[in-house]
Amino acid sequence: MQNLKNLLTKPLQAVPISWAIVVFIVALAGFADASYLAIEHYQGVIPPCSIVSGCETVLTSSYSVMFGIPVALFGALFYLLVAAGAFAYLEGKHERLFRYSLLVTVFGLLFSIWFVYLMAFIIHSYCLYCLGSATTSTILFILACVIFKKYKWTMNS
C-alpha cells in the first residue's frame, strides 16, 4: 500500500509536453470511436463494417450492454478521463491528475482484453470499431508504461 501511495504522491520528473500531447491525441481518437458507437446504439443503428464482418453480431450481443448502458458509453467516459488528465497536465502541469489518468489505462487494457476474448471465443464475430478501441486502449497503456519507466514514475520513487 505504501508503494501505491508513493506512486501517487511523490514529485515526478518532468514529462515533456510531447508525451502528454500524444496521450491526449490517442485518447481523443478512442473517445471519438467509442462515442460514435454509443450514439449509433442510442439511435438503433449498426455502423457499417467493411473490413471485417460481424459488427452487427457483436454490437447487438448481450455483451454490448452493462446495466442497461452500452459498453461503448463506458469506453467513451474512460477515454474522456484519460484525455482530461493529459489536458490538465498540458494546461497547468497537474502531474497528479495526469498520473491518475495514466494509471486508469490498466483498466482500459483489462476490459479490452476481456472484450476481444468475448469476440474471439464467445461471440465468434469481430467488430472493427471495437478492435479499434482495443488497439487504442492498448496504445494508451503502453504509453503509460513508457512514461512511468522513462521518467521514474515508479512505485519506489
C-alpha atoms as a PDB file:
ATOM      1  CA  MET A   1       0.000   0.000   0.000  1.00  0.00           C
ATOM      2  CA  GLN A   2       2.878   2.350   0.758  1.00  0.00           C
ATOM      3  CA  ASN A   3       4.264   1.813  -2.748  1.00  0.00           C
ATOM      4  CA  LEU A   4       0.952   2.860  -4.282  1.00  0.00           C
ATOM      5  CA  LYS A   5       0.863   5.930  -2.028  1.00  0.00           C
ATOM      6  CA  ASN A   6       4.402   6.818  -3.152  1.00  0.00           C
ATOM      7  CA  LEU A   7       3.417   6.373  -6.783  1.00  0.00           C
ATOM      8  CA  LEU A   8       0.522   8.749  -6.375  1.00  0.00           C
ATOM      9  CA  THR A   9       2.117  11.420  -4.168  1.00  0.00           C
ATOM     10  CA  LYS A  10       5.873  11.799  -4.720  1.00  0.00           C
ATOM     11  CA  PRO A  11       7.078  14.518  -7.077  1.00  0.00           C
ATOM     12  CA  LEU A  12       7.650  13.396 -10.629  1.00  0.00           C
ATOM     13  CA  GLN A  13      10.383  14.083 -13.091  1.00  0.00           C
ATOM     14  CA  ALA A  14       9.090  16.474 -15.681  1.00  0.00           C
ATOM     15  CA  VAL A  15       7.457  14.691 -18.565  1.00  0.00           C
ATOM     16  CA  PRO A  16       7.908  16.541 -21.862  1.00  0.00           C
ATOM     17  CA  ILE A  17       4.756  18.110 -23.227  1.00  0.00           C
ATOM     18  CA  SER A  18       5.090  15.969 -26.362  1.00  0.00           C
ATOM     19  CA  TRP A  19       4.261  12.806 -24.370  1.00  0.00           C
ATOM     20  CA  ALA A  20       1.134  14.385 -22.926  1.00  0.00           C
ATOM     21  CA  ILE A  21       0.125  15.566 -26.399  1.00  0.00           C
ATOM     22  CA  VAL A  22       0.454  12.018 -27.770  1.00  0.00           C
ATOM     23  CA  VAL A  23      -1.608  10.621 -24.868  1.00  0.00           C
ATOM     24  CA  PHE A  24      -4.201  13.353 -25.422  1.00  0.00           C
ATOM     25  CA  ILE A  25      -4.483  12.670 -29.172  1.00  0.00           C
ATOM     26  CA  VAL A  26      -4.721   8.881 -28.752  1.00  0.00           C
ATOM     27  CA  ALA A  27      -7.343   9.311 -26.014  1.00  0.00           C
ATOM     28  CA  LEU A  28      -9.339  11.655 -28.253  1.00  0.00           C
ATOM     29  CA  ALA A  29      -9.239   9.077 -31.054  1.00  0.00           C
ATOM     30  CA  GLY A  30     -10.569   6.454 -28.634  1.00  0.00           C
ATOM     31  CA  PHE A  31     -13.212   8.888 -27.414  1.00  0.00           C
ATOM     32  CA  ALA A  32     -14.369   9.548 -30.983  1.00  0.00           C
ATOM     33  CA  ASP A  33     -14.605   5.817 -31.734  1.00  0.00           C
ATOM     34  CA  ALA A  34     -16.457   4.919 -28.537  1.00  0.00           C
ATOM     35  CA  SER A  35     -18.741   7.962 -28.734  1.00  0.00           C
ATOM     36  CA  TYR A  36     -19.673   7.076 -32.303  1.00  0.00           C
ATOM     37  CA  LEU A  37     -20.662   3.569 -31.210  1.00  0.00           C
ATOM     38  CA  ALA A  38     -22.636   4.887 -28.234  1.00  0.00           C
ATOM     39  CA  ILE A  39     -24.524   7.375 -30.416  1.00  0.00           C
ATOM     40  CA  GLU A  40     -25.263   4.704 -33.006  1.00  0.00           C
ATOM     41  CA  HIS A  41     -26.505   2.409 -30.223  1.00  0.00           C
ATOM     42  CA  TYR A  42     -28.964   5.003 -28.944  1.00  0.00           C
ATOM     43  CA  GLN A  43     -30.130   5.717 -32.493  1.00  0.00           C
ATOM     44  CA  GLY A  44     -30.663   1.996 -33.072  1.00  0.00           C
ATOM     45  CA  VAL A  45     -28.210   1.962 -35.987  1.00  0.00           C
ATOM     46  CA  ILE A  46     -25.499  -0.604 -36.664  1.00  0.00           C
ATOM     47  CA  PRO A  47     -22.473   1.127 -38.184  1.00  0.00           C
ATOM     48  CA  PRO A  48     -21.158  -0.246 -41.474  1.00  0.00           C
ATOM     49  CA  CYS A  49     -18.423  -2.827 -41.108  1.00  0.00           C
ATOM     50  CA  SER A  50     -16.361  -3.088 -44.264  1.00  0.00           C
ATOM     51  CA  ILE A  51     -13.039  -4.743 -43.408  1.00  0.00           C
ATOM     52  CA  VAL A  52     -14.290  -7.451 -41.061  1.00  0.00           C
ATOM     53  CA  SER A  53     -17.772  -8.866 -40.816  1.00  0.00           C
ATOM     54  CA  GLY A  54     -19.630  -9.275 -37.591  1.00  0.00           C
ATOM     55  CA  CYS A  55     -20.197  -5.755 -36.303  1.00  0.00           C
ATOM     56  CA  GLU A  56     -23.928  -6.362 -36.078  1.00  0.00           C
ATOM     57  CA  THR A  57     -23.434  -9.632 -34.196  1.00  0.00           C
ATOM     58  CA  VAL A  58     -21.070  -8.042 -31.689  1.00  0.00           C
ATOM     59  CA  LEU A  59     -22.961  -4.768 -31.269  1.00  0.00           C
ATOM     60  CA  THR A  60     -26.304  -6.492 -30.702  1.00  0.00           C
ATOM     61  CA  SER A  61     -24.968  -9.214 -28.398  1.00  0.00           C
ATOM     62  CA  SER A  62     -25.864  -9.264 -24.727  1.00  0.00           C
ATOM     63  CA  TYR A  63     -22.238  -8.314 -24.003  1.00  0.00           C
ATOM     64  CA  SER A  64     -22.636  -4.926 -25.683  1.00  0.00           C
ATOM     65  CA  VAL A  65     -24.648  -3.582 -22.747  1.00  0.00           C
ATOM     66  CA  MET A  66     -23.923  -3.486 -18.999  1.00  0.00           C
ATOM     67  CA  PHE A  67     -26.590  -2.374 -16.524  1.00  0.00           C
ATOM     68  CA  GLY A  68     -28.685  -1.197 -19.461  1.00  0.00           C
ATOM     69  CA  ILE A  69     -25.879   1.098 -20.656  1.00  0.00           C
ATOM     70  CA  PRO A  70     -23.940   0.444 -23.868  1.00  0.00           C
ATOM     71  CA  VAL A  71     -20.358  -0.632 -23.181  1.00  0.00           C
ATOM     72  CA  ALA A  72     -19.269   1.977 -25.730  1.00  0.00           C
ATOM     73  CA  LEU A  73     -20.512   4.735 -23.408  1.00  0.00           C
ATOM     74  CA  PHE A  74     -18.297   3.395 -20.605  1.00  0.00           C
ATOM     75  CA  GLY A  75     -15.442   3.388 -23.117  1.00  0.00           C
ATOM     76  CA  ALA A  76     -16.138   6.991 -24.103  1.00  0.00           C
ATOM     77  CA  LEU A  77     -16.030   8.012 -20.438  1.00  0.00           C
ATOM     78  CA  PHE A  78     -12.743   6.132 -19.972  1.00  0.00           C
ATOM     79  CA  TYR A  79     -11.137   7.886 -22.934  1.00  0.00           C
ATOM     80  CA  LEU A  80     -12.516  11.250 -21.806  1.00  0.00           C
ATOM     81  CA  LEU A  81     -10.965  10.716 -18.362  1.00  0.00           C
ATOM     82  CA  VAL A  82      -7.555   9.921 -19.856  1.00  0.00           C
ATOM     83  CA  ALA A  83      -7.773  12.885 -22.237  1.00  0.00           C
ATOM     84  CA  ALA A  84      -8.771  15.182 -19.360  1.00  0.00           C
ATOM     85  CA  GLY A  85      -5.737  14.065 -17.331  1.00  0.00           C
ATOM     86  CA  ALA A  86      -3.405  14.754 -20.239  1.00  0.00           C
ATOM     87  CA  PHE A  87      -5.089  18.100 -20.879  1.00  0.00           C
ATOM     88  CA  ALA A  88      -4.740  19.070 -17.210  1.00  0.00           C
ATOM     89  CA  TYR A  89      -1.031  18.338 -17.461  1.00  0.00           C
ATOM     90  CA  LEU A  90      -0.711  20.334 -20.677  1.00  0.00           C
ATOM     91  CA  GLU A  91      -2.595  23.338 -19.343  1.00  0.00           C
ATOM     92  CA  GLY A  92      -1.396  23.535 -15.769  1.00  0.00           C
ATOM     93  CA  LYS A  93       1.216  20.873 -15.108  1.00  0.00           C
ATOM     94  CA  HIS A  94      -1.250  18.980 -12.917  1.00  0.00           C
ATOM     95  CA  GLU A  95       1.032  15.974 -12.553  1.00  0.00           C
ATOM     96  CA  ARG A  96      -1.198  14.112 -10.106  1.00  0.00           C
ATOM     97  CA  LEU A  97      -4.207  14.195 -12.448  1.00  0.00           C
ATOM     98  CA  PHE A  98      -2.034  13.055 -15.323  1.00  0.00           C
ATOM     99  CA  ARG A  99      -0.618  10.258 -13.188  1.00  0.00           C
ATOM    100  CA  TYR A 100      -4.094   9.080 -12.148  1.00  0.00           C
ATOM    101  CA  SER A 101      -5.289   9.131 -15.740  1.00  0.00           C
ATOM    102  CA  LEU A 102      -2.287   7.054 -16.796  1.00  0.00           C
ATOM    103  CA  LEU A 103      -2.973   4.540 -14.021  1.00  0.00           C
ATOM    104  CA  VAL A 104      -6.552   4.166 -15.273  1.00  0.00           C
ATOM    105  CA  THR A 105      -5.185   2.800 -18.563  1.00  0.00           C
ATOM    106  CA  VAL A 106      -4.668  -0.523 -16.763  1.00  0.00           C
ATOM    107  CA  PHE A 107      -8.448  -0.888 -16.569  1.00  0.00           C
ATOM    108  CA  GLY A 108      -8.848   0.051 -20.218  1.00  0.00           C
ATOM    109  CA  LEU A 109      -6.374  -2.655 -21.169  1.00  0.00           C
ATOM    110  CA  LEU A 110      -8.051  -5.284 -18.974  1.00  0.00           C
ATOM    111  CA  PHE A 111     -11.509  -4.515 -20.343  1.00  0.00           C
ATOM    112  CA  SER A 112     -10.152  -4.558 -23.889  1.00  0.00           C
ATOM    113  CA  ILE A 113      -8.601  -7.978 -23.338  1.00  0.00           C
ATOM    114  CA  TRP A 114     -11.938  -9.195 -21.970  1.00  0.00           C
ATOM    115  CA  PHE A 115     -13.937  -7.851 -24.912  1.00  0.00           C
ATOM    116  CA  VAL A 116     -11.524  -9.185 -27.528  1.00  0.00           C
ATOM    117  CA  TYR A 117     -11.747 -12.568 -25.776  1.00  0.00           C
ATOM    118  CA  LEU A 118     -15.545 -12.376 -25.963  1.00  0.00           C
ATOM    119  CA  MET A 119     -15.452 -11.550 -29.672  1.00  0.00           C
ATOM    120  CA  ALA A 120     -12.994 -14.335 -30.471  1.00  0.00           C
ATOM    121  CA  PHE A 121     -14.221 -17.177 -28.271  1.00  0.00           C
ATOM    122  CA  ILE A 122     -17.811 -16.479 -27.237  1.00  0.00           C
ATOM    123  CA  ILE A 123     -19.436 -14.346 -29.938  1.00  0.00           C
ATOM    124  CA  HIS A 124     -17.274 -15.668 -32.805  1.00  0.00           C
ATOM    125  CA  SER A 125     -17.557 -12.347 -34.652  1.00  0.00           C
ATOM    126  CA  TYR A 126     -15.469  -9.200 -34.764  1.00  0.00           C
ATOM    127  CA  CYS A 127     -16.386  -5.539 -34.678  1.00  0.00           C
ATOM    128  CA  LEU A 128     -13.935  -3.246 -36.450  1.00  0.00           C
ATOM    129  CA  TYR A 129     -14.776  -0.336 -34.146  1.00  0.00           C
ATOM    130  CA  CYS A 130     -14.360  -2.484 -31.051  1.00  0.00           C
ATOM    131  CA  LEU A 131     -10.990  -3.723 -32.280  1.00  0.00           C
ATOM    132  CA  GLY A 132     -10.012  -0.108 -32.911  1.00  0.00           C
ATOM    133  CA  SER A 133     -10.943   0.762 -29.355  1.00  0.00           C
ATOM    134  CA  ALA A 134      -8.971  -2.209 -28.022  1.00  0.00           C
ATOM    135  CA  THR A 135      -5.967  -1.047 -30.021  1.00  0.00           C
ATOM    136  CA  THR A 136      -6.330   2.494 -28.720  1.00  0.00           C
ATOM    137  CA  SER A 137      -6.580   1.429 -25.084  1.00  0.00           C
ATOM    138  CA  THR A 138      -3.554  -0.847 -25.546  1.00  0.00           C
ATOM    139  CA  ILE A 139      -1.548   2.029 -27.014  1.00  0.00           C
ATOM    140  CA  LEU A 140      -2.540   4.221 -24.055  1.00  0.00           C
ATOM    141  CA  PHE A 141      -1.415   1.523 -21.627  1.00  0.00           C
ATOM    142  CA  ILE A 142       1.930   1.167 -23.424  1.00  0.00           C
ATOM    143  CA  LEU A 143       2.397   4.946 -23.405  1.00  0.00           C
ATOM    144  CA  ALA A 144       1.677   4.989 -19.675  1.00  0.00           C
ATOM    145  CA  CYS A 145       4.234   2.241 -19.055  1.00  0.00           C
ATOM    146  CA  VAL A 146       6.862   4.093 -21.076  1.00  0.00           C
ATOM    147  CA  ILE A 147       6.182   7.356 -19.234  1.00  0.00           C
ATOM    148  CA  PHE A 148       6.304   5.695 -15.810  1.00  0.00           C
ATOM    149  CA  LYS A 149       9.571   3.953 -16.676  1.00  0.00           C
ATOM    150  CA  LYS A 150      11.343   6.689 -18.594  1.00  0.00           C
ATOM    151  CA  TYR A 151      10.503   9.483 -16.174  1.00  0.00           C
ATOM    152  CA  LYS A 152      10.927   7.445 -13.000  1.00  0.00           C
ATOM    153  CA  TRP A 153       7.266   7.433 -12.141  1.00  0.00           C
ATOM    154  CA  THR A 154       7.773   4.160 -10.331  1.00  0.00           C
ATOM    155  CA  MET A 155       6.402   2.632  -7.183  1.00  0.00           C
ATOM    156  CA  ASN A 156       9.706   3.298  -5.439  1.00  0.00           C
ATOM    157  CA  SER A 157      10.188   6.972  -6.406  1.00  0.00           C
END
